[in-house]
Amino acid sequence: MHTIIGALVEANSRDAALQNAKYNVFEPLVRQDAFDYFQTFDGPGTNVSGKGRWGDVPPVLEADSEDGRDWIESRFEAMTDAYETNAKRIDDFMQAIDGEYDELWEHRDDSLVRHSMHQLGKYEGWPVTLYDAHGAGIRNRDQLEDVLTYGDGRENTETYVALSDVHW
């Protein structure tokens, strides 16, 4: 499966932001097996990834621009929607078993509740779709606002959102 993730990085140019995101966020996430591979939007991509899959997506945007804010918000909403779906699945299951927890440990996970529990607890990989400059998943609004407000503290830099297609 594919999705677009964003890395919020500090840099003094768009090119530097994209390089920072590639080497400090996207590549480490792949090395850590959070994703199988990534394709940024600065090249043509392939038929199944990058521009070939998603069309003309900007590789990097200033985080405080209208388009940058829109992309950041869309990635945050994708994550929170996935969290809500998983939380509802867990809640429905827990109500249905009415305190009989043996069903949680059955060999088959027909209800996908164990999968949902795993997804809800993840800090990287799907469904986390926003990352800071160190590759740490941004999982709530407070973390997002901190990164957008304070960045990494370097002077003479802007906060950018670098986008990448990822497969998991």
N, C-alpha and C. Protein backbone atom coordinates (compact mmCIF):
# COMPACT_ATOMS: atom_id res chain seq x y z
N MET A 1 0.83 -1.17 0.00
CA MET A 1 0.00 0.00 0.00
C MET A 1 0.89 1.24 0.00
N HIS A 2 0.35 2.31 -0.51
CA HIS A 2 1.08 3.57 -0.62
C HIS A 2 0.35 4.68 0.12
N THR A 3 1.10 5.64 0.61
CA THR A 3 0.56 6.89 1.13
C THR A 3 1.63 7.97 0.96
N ILE A 4 1.24 9.19 1.17
CA ILE A 4 2.19 10.30 1.15
C ILE A 4 2.44 10.72 2.59
N ILE A 5 3.72 10.82 2.95
CA ILE A 5 4.09 11.30 4.27
C ILE A 5 4.81 12.63 4.13
N GLY A 6 4.87 13.37 5.23
CA GLY A 6 5.56 14.65 5.24
C GLY A 6 6.61 14.69 6.34
N ALA A 7 7.72 15.33 6.03
CA ALA A 7 8.78 15.55 7.01
C ALA A 7 8.91 17.05 7.22
N LEU A 8 8.78 17.50 8.45
CA LEU A 8 8.92 18.91 8.78
C LEU A 8 10.38 19.16 9.17
N VAL A 9 11.09 19.87 8.30
CA VAL A 9 12.52 20.08 8.49
C VAL A 9 12.87 21.56 8.40
N GLU A 10 13.93 21.93 9.08
CA GLU A 10 14.46 23.28 9.05
C GLU A 10 15.58 23.33 8.01
N ALA A 11 15.58 24.37 7.21
CA ALA A 11 16.65 24.52 6.21
C ALA A 11 16.67 25.97 5.73
N ASN A 12 17.72 26.30 5.00
CA ASN A 12 17.81 27.65 4.45
C ASN A 12 17.39 27.70 2.98
N SER A 13 16.95 26.56 2.41
CA SER A 13 16.44 26.53 1.04
C SER A 13 15.59 25.28 0.85
N ARG A 14 14.81 25.28 -0.21
CA ARG A 14 13.98 24.11 -0.53
C ARG A 14 14.86 22.89 -0.83
N ASP A 15 15.93 23.11 -1.59
CA ASP A 15 16.83 21.99 -1.92
C ASP A 15 17.44 21.38 -0.66
N ALA A 16 17.88 22.24 0.26
CA ALA A 16 18.46 21.75 1.51
C ALA A 16 17.41 21.02 2.34
N ALA A 17 16.17 21.51 2.32
CA ALA A 17 15.09 20.85 3.06
C ALA A 17 14.84 19.45 2.51
N LEU A 18 14.82 19.33 1.19
CA LEU A 18 14.58 18.01 0.59
C LEU A 18 15.72 17.06 0.91
N GLN A 19 16.96 17.53 0.84
CA GLN A 19 18.10 16.67 1.18
C GLN A 19 18.05 16.25 2.65
N ASN A 20 17.74 17.20 3.54
CA ASN A 20 17.61 16.87 4.96
C ASN A 20 16.55 15.80 5.18
N ALA A 21 15.41 15.96 4.53
CA ALA A 21 14.32 15.00 4.69
C ALA A 21 14.71 13.63 4.16
N LYS A 22 15.36 13.60 3.00
CA LYS A 22 15.76 12.31 2.42
C LYS A 22 16.70 11.56 3.35
N TYR A 23 17.75 12.25 3.81
CA TYR A 23 18.82 11.57 4.54
C TYR A 23 18.56 11.42 6.03
N ASN A 24 17.73 12.29 6.60
CA ASN A 24 17.51 12.25 8.04
C ASN A 24 16.14 11.71 8.44
N VAL A 25 15.24 11.60 7.48
CA VAL A 25 13.90 11.11 7.81
C VAL A 25 13.53 9.91 6.95
N PHE A 26 13.42 10.09 5.64
CA PHE A 26 12.89 9.03 4.78
C PHE A 26 13.79 7.80 4.73
N GLU A 27 15.08 7.99 4.48
CA GLU A 27 15.99 6.83 4.44
C GLU A 27 16.05 6.08 5.76
N PRO A 28 16.19 6.77 6.91
CA PRO A 28 16.18 6.02 8.18
C PRO A 28 14.87 5.26 8.42
N LEU A 29 13.73 5.82 8.03
CA LEU A 29 12.47 5.10 8.20
C LEU A 29 12.45 3.81 7.40
N VAL A 30 13.05 3.83 6.21
CA VAL A 30 13.14 2.62 5.40
C VAL A 30 14.12 1.63 6.03
N ARG A 31 15.28 2.13 6.48
CA ARG A 31 16.26 1.25 7.14
C ARG A 31 15.70 0.59 8.39
N GLN A 32 14.82 1.29 9.08
CA GLN A 32 14.22 0.75 10.31
C GLN A 32 12.99 -0.11 10.02
N ASP A 33 12.71 -0.35 8.75
CA ASP A 33 11.57 -1.17 8.31
C ASP A 33 10.21 -0.56 8.63
N ALA A 34 10.14 0.75 8.86
CA ALA A 34 8.84 1.39 9.02
C ALA A 34 8.11 1.41 7.69
N PHE A 35 8.87 1.55 6.59
CA PHE A 35 8.33 1.51 5.24
C PHE A 35 9.25 0.67 4.38
N ASP A 36 8.71 0.14 3.27
CA ASP A 36 9.52 -0.68 2.37
C ASP A 36 10.44 0.17 1.50
N TYR A 37 9.91 1.26 0.98
CA TYR A 37 10.71 2.19 0.18
C TYR A 37 10.00 3.53 0.12
N PHE A 38 10.75 4.55 -0.36
CA PHE A 38 10.16 5.88 -0.52
C PHE A 38 10.54 6.42 -1.89
N GLN A 39 9.73 7.34 -2.38
CA GLN A 39 10.00 8.03 -3.64
C GLN A 39 9.58 9.49 -3.45
N THR A 40 10.55 10.40 -3.49
CA THR A 40 10.21 11.82 -3.37
C THR A 40 9.67 12.32 -4.71
N PHE A 41 9.18 13.53 -4.72
CA PHE A 41 8.51 14.07 -5.89
C PHE A 41 9.38 15.03 -6.70
N ASP A 42 10.70 14.93 -6.53
CA ASP A 42 11.61 15.79 -7.28
C ASP A 42 12.06 15.16 -8.60
N GLY A 43 11.61 13.95 -8.88
CA GLY A 43 11.93 13.28 -10.14
C GLY A 43 10.68 12.67 -10.72
N PRO A 44 10.82 11.95 -11.81
CA PRO A 44 9.63 11.43 -12.49
C PRO A 44 8.95 10.27 -11.75
N GLY A 45 9.65 9.59 -10.87
CA GLY A 45 9.06 8.43 -10.20
C GLY A 45 8.94 7.26 -11.15
N THR A 46 8.07 6.33 -10.80
CA THR A 46 7.82 5.17 -11.65
C THR A 46 6.32 5.11 -11.93
N ASN A 47 5.88 4.08 -12.62
CA ASN A 47 4.44 3.94 -12.86
C ASN A 47 3.66 3.74 -11.57
N VAL A 48 4.32 3.20 -10.55
CA VAL A 48 3.60 2.86 -9.32
C VAL A 48 3.97 3.71 -8.11
N SER A 49 4.90 4.63 -8.27
CA SER A 49 5.29 5.45 -7.11
C SER A 49 5.64 6.87 -7.53
N GLY A 50 5.61 7.76 -6.56
CA GLY A 50 5.95 9.15 -6.82
C GLY A 50 4.94 9.80 -7.76
N LYS A 51 5.44 10.61 -8.68
CA LYS A 51 4.57 11.32 -9.62
C LYS A 51 3.76 10.38 -10.50
N GLY A 52 4.32 9.20 -10.79
CA GLY A 52 3.58 8.23 -11.60
C GLY A 52 2.30 7.77 -10.93
N ARG A 53 2.30 7.73 -9.63
CA ARG A 53 1.11 7.31 -8.87
C ARG A 53 0.22 8.49 -8.50
N TRP A 54 0.83 9.59 -8.04
CA TRP A 54 0.07 10.68 -7.43
C TRP A 54 -0.06 11.92 -8.29
N GLY A 55 0.65 11.99 -9.41
CA GLY A 55 0.59 13.19 -10.24
C GLY A 55 1.57 14.24 -9.76
N ASP A 56 1.24 15.49 -10.03
CA ASP A 56 2.15 16.60 -9.76
C ASP A 56 2.05 17.06 -8.31
N VAL A 57 2.77 16.38 -7.43
CA VAL A 57 2.83 16.74 -6.01
C VAL A 57 4.12 17.53 -5.80
N PRO A 58 4.05 18.66 -5.11
CA PRO A 58 5.29 19.42 -4.87
C PRO A 58 6.22 18.65 -3.94
N PRO A 59 7.52 18.64 -4.24
CA PRO A 59 8.45 17.92 -3.38
C PRO A 59 8.64 18.59 -2.02
N VAL A 60 8.61 19.93 -1.99
CA VAL A 60 8.86 20.68 -0.76
C VAL A 60 8.02 21.96 -0.78
N LEU A 61 7.47 22.29 0.37
CA LEU A 61 6.71 23.53 0.52
C LEU A 61 7.12 24.22 1.81
N GLU A 62 7.04 25.54 1.82
CA GLU A 62 7.23 26.25 3.08
C GLU A 62 6.05 25.89 3.98
N ALA A 63 6.35 25.51 5.21
CA ALA A 63 5.31 25.03 6.12
C ALA A 63 4.28 26.11 6.43
N ASP A 64 4.70 27.38 6.40
CA ASP A 64 3.74 28.43 6.75
C ASP A 64 3.01 29.02 5.53
N SER A 65 3.21 28.43 4.35
CA SER A 65 2.46 28.85 3.17
C SER A 65 1.09 28.17 3.19
N GLU A 66 0.16 28.69 2.42
CA GLU A 66 -1.19 28.10 2.37
C GLU A 66 -1.13 26.65 1.91
N ASP A 67 -0.38 26.39 0.83
CA ASP A 67 -0.26 25.00 0.34
C ASP A 67 0.45 24.12 1.36
N GLY A 68 1.48 24.65 2.00
CA GLY A 68 2.19 23.89 3.02
C GLY A 68 1.28 23.52 4.18
N ARG A 69 0.52 24.49 4.66
CA ARG A 69 -0.42 24.21 5.76
C ARG A 69 -1.47 23.19 5.33
N ASP A 70 -1.94 23.30 4.08
CA ASP A 70 -2.94 22.34 3.58
C ASP A 70 -2.39 20.92 3.56
N TRP A 71 -1.15 20.76 3.06
CA TRP A 71 -0.54 19.43 3.02
C TRP A 71 -0.31 18.89 4.43
N ILE A 72 0.17 19.73 5.32
CA ILE A 72 0.40 19.29 6.70
C ILE A 72 -0.91 18.85 7.33
N GLU A 73 -1.94 19.64 7.14
CA GLU A 73 -3.24 19.29 7.73
C GLU A 73 -3.81 18.02 7.10
N SER A 74 -3.62 17.84 5.80
CA SER A 74 -4.15 16.62 5.16
C SER A 74 -3.42 15.37 5.67
N ARG A 75 -2.13 15.47 5.91
CA ARG A 75 -1.38 14.34 6.46
C ARG A 75 -1.81 14.07 7.90
N PHE A 76 -2.01 15.13 8.67
CA PHE A 76 -2.45 14.96 10.06
C PHE A 76 -3.84 14.32 10.10
N GLU A 77 -4.73 14.77 9.23
CA GLU A 77 -6.09 14.21 9.18
C GLU A 77 -6.07 12.74 8.75
N ALA A 78 -5.20 12.39 7.81
CA ALA A 78 -5.11 10.98 7.40
C ALA A 78 -4.73 10.11 8.59
N MET A 79 -3.80 10.58 9.40
CA MET A 79 -3.37 9.82 10.57
C MET A 79 -4.49 9.74 11.60
N THR A 80 -5.12 10.87 11.92
CA THR A 80 -6.15 10.84 12.95
C THR A 80 -7.36 10.03 12.49
N ASP A 81 -7.68 10.06 11.20
CA ASP A 81 -8.77 9.21 10.68
C ASP A 81 -8.45 7.74 10.88
N ALA A 82 -7.21 7.35 10.60
CA ALA A 82 -6.80 5.95 10.79
C ALA A 82 -6.83 5.59 12.27
N TYR A 83 -6.39 6.49 13.14
CA TYR A 83 -6.44 6.22 14.59
C TYR A 83 -7.89 6.04 15.05
N GLU A 84 -8.77 6.90 14.58
CA GLU A 84 -10.18 6.81 14.98
C GLU A 84 -10.81 5.50 14.50
N THR A 85 -10.49 5.09 13.29
CA THR A 85 -11.01 3.82 12.76
C THR A 85 -10.53 2.66 13.63
N ASN A 86 -9.25 2.67 13.96
CA ASN A 86 -8.70 1.59 14.80
C ASN A 86 -9.29 1.63 16.21
N ALA A 87 -9.43 2.81 16.79
CA ALA A 87 -9.98 2.92 18.14
C ALA A 87 -11.43 2.45 18.17
N LYS A 88 -12.19 2.77 17.12
CA LYS A 88 -13.59 2.32 17.06
C LYS A 88 -13.65 0.80 16.94
N ARG A 89 -12.79 0.22 16.12
CA ARG A 89 -12.77 -1.24 15.98
C ARG A 89 -12.46 -1.91 17.32
N ILE A 90 -11.52 -1.35 18.06
CA ILE A 90 -11.16 -1.89 19.38
C ILE A 90 -12.34 -1.73 20.34
N ASP A 91 -12.92 -0.55 20.36
CA ASP A 91 -14.04 -0.30 21.26
C ASP A 91 -15.21 -1.23 20.95
N ASP A 92 -15.56 -1.39 19.68
CA ASP A 92 -16.66 -2.29 19.29
C ASP A 92 -16.38 -3.72 19.74
N PHE A 93 -15.14 -4.16 19.54
CA PHE A 93 -14.77 -5.52 19.92
C PHE A 93 -14.87 -5.69 21.43
N MET A 94 -14.35 -4.75 22.18
CA MET A 94 -14.36 -4.87 23.63
C MET A 94 -15.78 -4.89 24.18
N GLN A 95 -16.66 -4.10 23.57
CA GLN A 95 -18.06 -4.14 24.00
C GLN A 95 -18.71 -5.47 23.64
N ALA A 96 -18.36 -6.01 22.48
CA ALA A 96 -18.97 -7.27 22.03
C ALA A 96 -18.54 -8.46 22.89
N ILE A 97 -17.31 -8.46 23.37
CA ILE A 97 -16.86 -9.63 24.16
C ILE A 97 -17.27 -9.52 25.62
N ASP A 98 -17.70 -8.34 26.04
CA ASP A 98 -18.27 -8.15 27.37
C ASP A 98 -17.43 -8.80 28.48
N GLY A 99 -16.15 -8.51 28.48
CA GLY A 99 -15.28 -8.99 29.55
C GLY A 99 -14.72 -10.39 29.35
N GLU A 100 -15.04 -11.05 28.26
CA GLU A 100 -14.51 -12.40 27.96
C GLU A 100 -13.28 -12.24 27.08
N TYR A 101 -12.13 -12.04 27.69
CA TYR A 101 -10.93 -11.67 26.95
C TYR A 101 -10.25 -12.82 26.22
N ASP A 102 -10.72 -14.04 26.38
CA ASP A 102 -10.11 -15.17 25.68
C ASP A 102 -10.11 -14.97 24.17
N GLU A 103 -11.13 -14.29 23.64
CA GLU A 103 -11.21 -14.07 22.20
C GLU A 103 -10.04 -13.23 21.67
N LEU A 104 -9.45 -12.42 22.54
CA LEU A 104 -8.29 -11.62 22.12
C LEU A 104 -7.12 -12.51 21.71
N TRP A 105 -7.01 -13.69 22.27
CA TRP A 105 -5.83 -14.53 22.08
C TRP A 105 -6.08 -15.69 21.13
N GLU A 106 -7.23 -15.69 20.44
CA GLU A 106 -7.47 -16.74 19.45
C GLU A 106 -6.41 -16.66 18.37
N HIS A 107 -6.14 -17.81 17.77
CA HIS A 107 -5.11 -17.88 16.74
C HIS A 107 -5.40 -16.91 15.59
N ARG A 108 -6.62 -16.89 15.14
CA ARG A 108 -7.00 -15.99 14.05
C ARG A 108 -7.48 -14.67 14.61
N ASP A 109 -7.19 -13.63 13.92
CA ASP A 109 -7.64 -12.29 14.34
C ASP A 109 -8.69 -11.81 13.33
N ASP A 110 -9.80 -12.55 13.26
CA ASP A 110 -10.84 -12.25 12.28
C ASP A 110 -11.39 -10.84 12.43
N SER A 111 -11.45 -10.34 13.65
CA SER A 111 -12.00 -9.01 13.89
C SER A 111 -10.97 -7.91 13.62
N LEU A 112 -9.72 -8.29 13.42
CA LEU A 112 -8.59 -7.37 13.23
C LEU A 112 -8.32 -6.50 14.45
N VAL A 113 -8.83 -6.90 15.60
CA VAL A 113 -8.65 -6.07 16.79
C VAL A 113 -7.18 -6.02 17.23
N ARG A 114 -6.45 -7.12 17.17
CA ARG A 114 -5.04 -7.07 17.56
C ARG A 114 -4.26 -6.21 16.58
N HIS A 115 -4.59 -6.31 15.31
CA HIS A 115 -3.97 -5.44 14.30
C HIS A 115 -4.26 -3.97 14.63
N SER A 116 -5.50 -3.67 14.98
CA SER A 116 -5.88 -2.29 15.31
C SER A 116 -5.14 -1.80 16.54
N MET A 117 -4.96 -2.67 17.53
CA MET A 117 -4.21 -2.28 18.73
C MET A 117 -2.76 -1.95 18.37
N HIS A 118 -2.19 -2.76 17.51
CA HIS A 118 -0.81 -2.51 17.06
C HIS A 118 -0.73 -1.17 16.32
N GLN A 119 -1.65 -0.93 15.39
CA GLN A 119 -1.65 0.31 14.62
C GLN A 119 -1.81 1.53 15.53
N LEU A 120 -2.67 1.42 16.51
CA LEU A 120 -2.93 2.54 17.40
C LEU A 120 -1.71 2.90 18.24
N GLY A 121 -0.85 1.92 18.51
CA GLY A 121 0.33 2.16 19.33
C GLY A 121 1.59 2.51 18.57
N LYS A 122 1.53 2.59 17.25
CA LYS A 122 2.74 2.82 16.46
C LYS A 122 3.24 4.26 16.57
N TYR A 123 4.56 4.40 16.52
CA TYR A 123 5.20 5.71 16.51
C TYR A 123 5.85 6.03 15.17
N GLU A 124 5.90 5.05 14.29
CA GLU A 124 6.44 5.25 12.94
C GLU A 124 5.80 4.24 12.02
N GLY A 125 5.90 4.51 10.73
CA GLY A 125 5.22 3.64 9.77
C GLY A 125 3.75 4.00 9.71
N TRP A 126 3.02 3.35 8.78
CA TRP A 126 1.59 3.63 8.68
C TRP A 126 0.94 3.27 10.00
N PRO A 127 0.10 4.10 10.58
CA PRO A 127 -0.59 5.25 10.02
C PRO A 127 0.05 6.62 10.33
N VAL A 128 1.28 6.65 10.83
CA VAL A 128 1.93 7.94 11.12
C VAL A 128 2.37 8.55 9.80
N THR A 129 1.87 9.77 9.52
CA THR A 129 2.12 10.38 8.21
C THR A 129 2.86 11.71 8.29
N LEU A 130 3.24 12.15 9.49
CA LEU A 130 4.05 13.35 9.67
C LEU A 130 5.21 13.02 10.60
N TYR A 131 6.39 13.56 10.27
CA TYR A 131 7.60 13.30 11.04
C TYR A 131 8.35 14.60 11.26
N ASP A 132 9.09 14.65 12.37
CA ASP A 132 9.94 15.81 12.59
C ASP A 132 11.28 15.60 11.87
N ALA A 133 12.19 16.53 12.03
CA ALA A 133 13.46 16.50 11.31
C ALA A 133 14.36 15.35 11.73
N HIS A 134 14.03 14.67 12.81
CA HIS A 134 14.83 13.54 13.29
C HIS A 134 14.17 12.19 12.98
N GLY A 135 13.05 12.24 12.28
CA GLY A 135 12.34 11.01 11.93
C GLY A 135 11.41 10.50 13.00
N ALA A 136 11.14 11.32 14.01
CA ALA A 136 10.19 10.91 15.04
C ALA A 136 8.77 11.24 14.57
N GLY A 137 7.87 10.29 14.73
CA GLY A 137 6.50 10.50 14.32
C GLY A 137 5.82 11.59 15.14
N ILE A 138 5.06 12.41 14.45
CA ILE A 138 4.26 13.45 15.10
C ILE A 138 2.86 12.86 15.24
N ARG A 139 2.48 12.52 16.48
CA ARG A 139 1.24 11.76 16.70
C ARG A 139 0.10 12.57 17.29
N ASN A 140 0.33 13.82 17.65
CA ASN A 140 -0.77 14.60 18.20
C ASN A 140 -0.57 16.08 17.86
N ARG A 141 -1.62 16.84 18.07
CA ARG A 141 -1.63 18.26 17.69
C ARG A 141 -0.58 19.05 18.46
N ASP A 142 -0.35 18.74 19.74
CA ASP A 142 0.66 19.47 20.52
C ASP A 142 2.05 19.29 19.93
N GLN A 143 2.40 18.06 19.55
CA GLN A 143 3.71 17.82 18.93
C GLN A 143 3.82 18.60 17.63
N LEU A 144 2.77 18.58 16.84
CA LEU A 144 2.77 19.30 15.56
C LEU A 144 2.99 20.79 15.79
N GLU A 145 2.25 21.36 16.71
CA GLU A 145 2.38 22.80 16.97
C GLU A 145 3.77 23.14 17.50
N ASP A 146 4.35 22.29 18.34
CA ASP A 146 5.71 22.52 18.83
C ASP A 146 6.71 22.56 17.69
N VAL A 147 6.62 21.60 16.77
CA VAL A 147 7.56 21.57 15.65
C VAL A 147 7.37 22.79 14.76
N LEU A 148 6.13 23.16 14.50
CA LEU A 148 5.88 24.32 13.65
C LEU A 148 6.27 25.63 14.32
N THR A 149 6.15 25.70 15.63
CA THR A 149 6.45 26.94 16.36
C THR A 149 7.94 27.10 16.64
N TYR A 150 8.58 26.01 17.09
CA TYR A 150 9.96 26.11 17.55
C TYR A 150 10.98 25.54 16.59
N GLY A 151 10.58 24.68 15.67
CA GLY A 151 11.54 24.05 14.77
C GLY A 151 12.65 23.38 15.55
N ASP A 152 13.85 23.48 15.03
CA ASP A 152 14.98 22.89 15.77
C ASP A 152 15.86 23.98 16.39
N GLY A 153 15.39 25.22 16.37
CA GLY A 153 16.09 26.29 17.07
C GLY A 153 17.21 26.97 16.30
N ARG A 154 17.47 26.54 15.06
CA ARG A 154 18.55 27.18 14.30
C ARG A 154 18.09 28.52 13.75
N GLU A 155 19.00 29.46 13.72
CA GLU A 155 18.68 30.78 13.17
C GLU A 155 18.82 30.76 11.65
N ASN A 156 18.16 31.71 11.00
CA ASN A 156 18.23 31.90 9.56
C ASN A 156 17.74 30.68 8.77
N THR A 157 16.78 29.98 9.31
CA THR A 157 16.19 28.86 8.59
C THR A 157 14.68 28.99 8.60
N GLU A 158 14.07 28.30 7.66
CA GLU A 158 12.61 28.22 7.55
C GLU A 158 12.21 26.78 7.83
N THR A 159 10.97 26.58 8.23
CA THR A 159 10.43 25.23 8.35
C THR A 159 9.75 24.88 7.04
N TYR A 160 10.12 23.73 6.51
CA TYR A 160 9.55 23.22 5.26
C TYR A 160 8.88 21.88 5.53
N VAL A 161 7.93 21.53 4.67
CA VAL A 161 7.39 20.18 4.66
C VAL A 161 7.84 19.53 3.36
N ALA A 162 8.60 18.45 3.48
CA ALA A 162 9.05 17.68 2.32
C ALA A 162 8.13 16.46 2.23
N LEU A 163 7.66 16.18 1.03
CA LEU A 163 6.68 15.11 0.84
C LEU A 163 7.31 13.92 0.13
N SER A 164 6.84 12.74 0.48
CA SER A 164 7.35 11.52 -0.14
C SER A 164 6.25 10.47 -0.20
N ASP A 165 6.23 9.76 -1.31
CA ASP A 165 5.38 8.58 -1.44
C ASP A 165 6.12 7.44 -0.74
N VAL A 166 5.40 6.69 0.10
CA VAL A 166 6.00 5.54 0.77
C VAL A 166 5.14 4.31 0.55
N HIS A 167 5.79 3.16 0.56
CA HIS A 167 5.09 1.88 0.47
C HIS A 167 5.33 1.11 1.75
N TRP A 168 4.28 0.45 2.23
CA TRP A 168 4.43 -0.41 3.41
C TRP A 168 3.72 -1.72 3.17
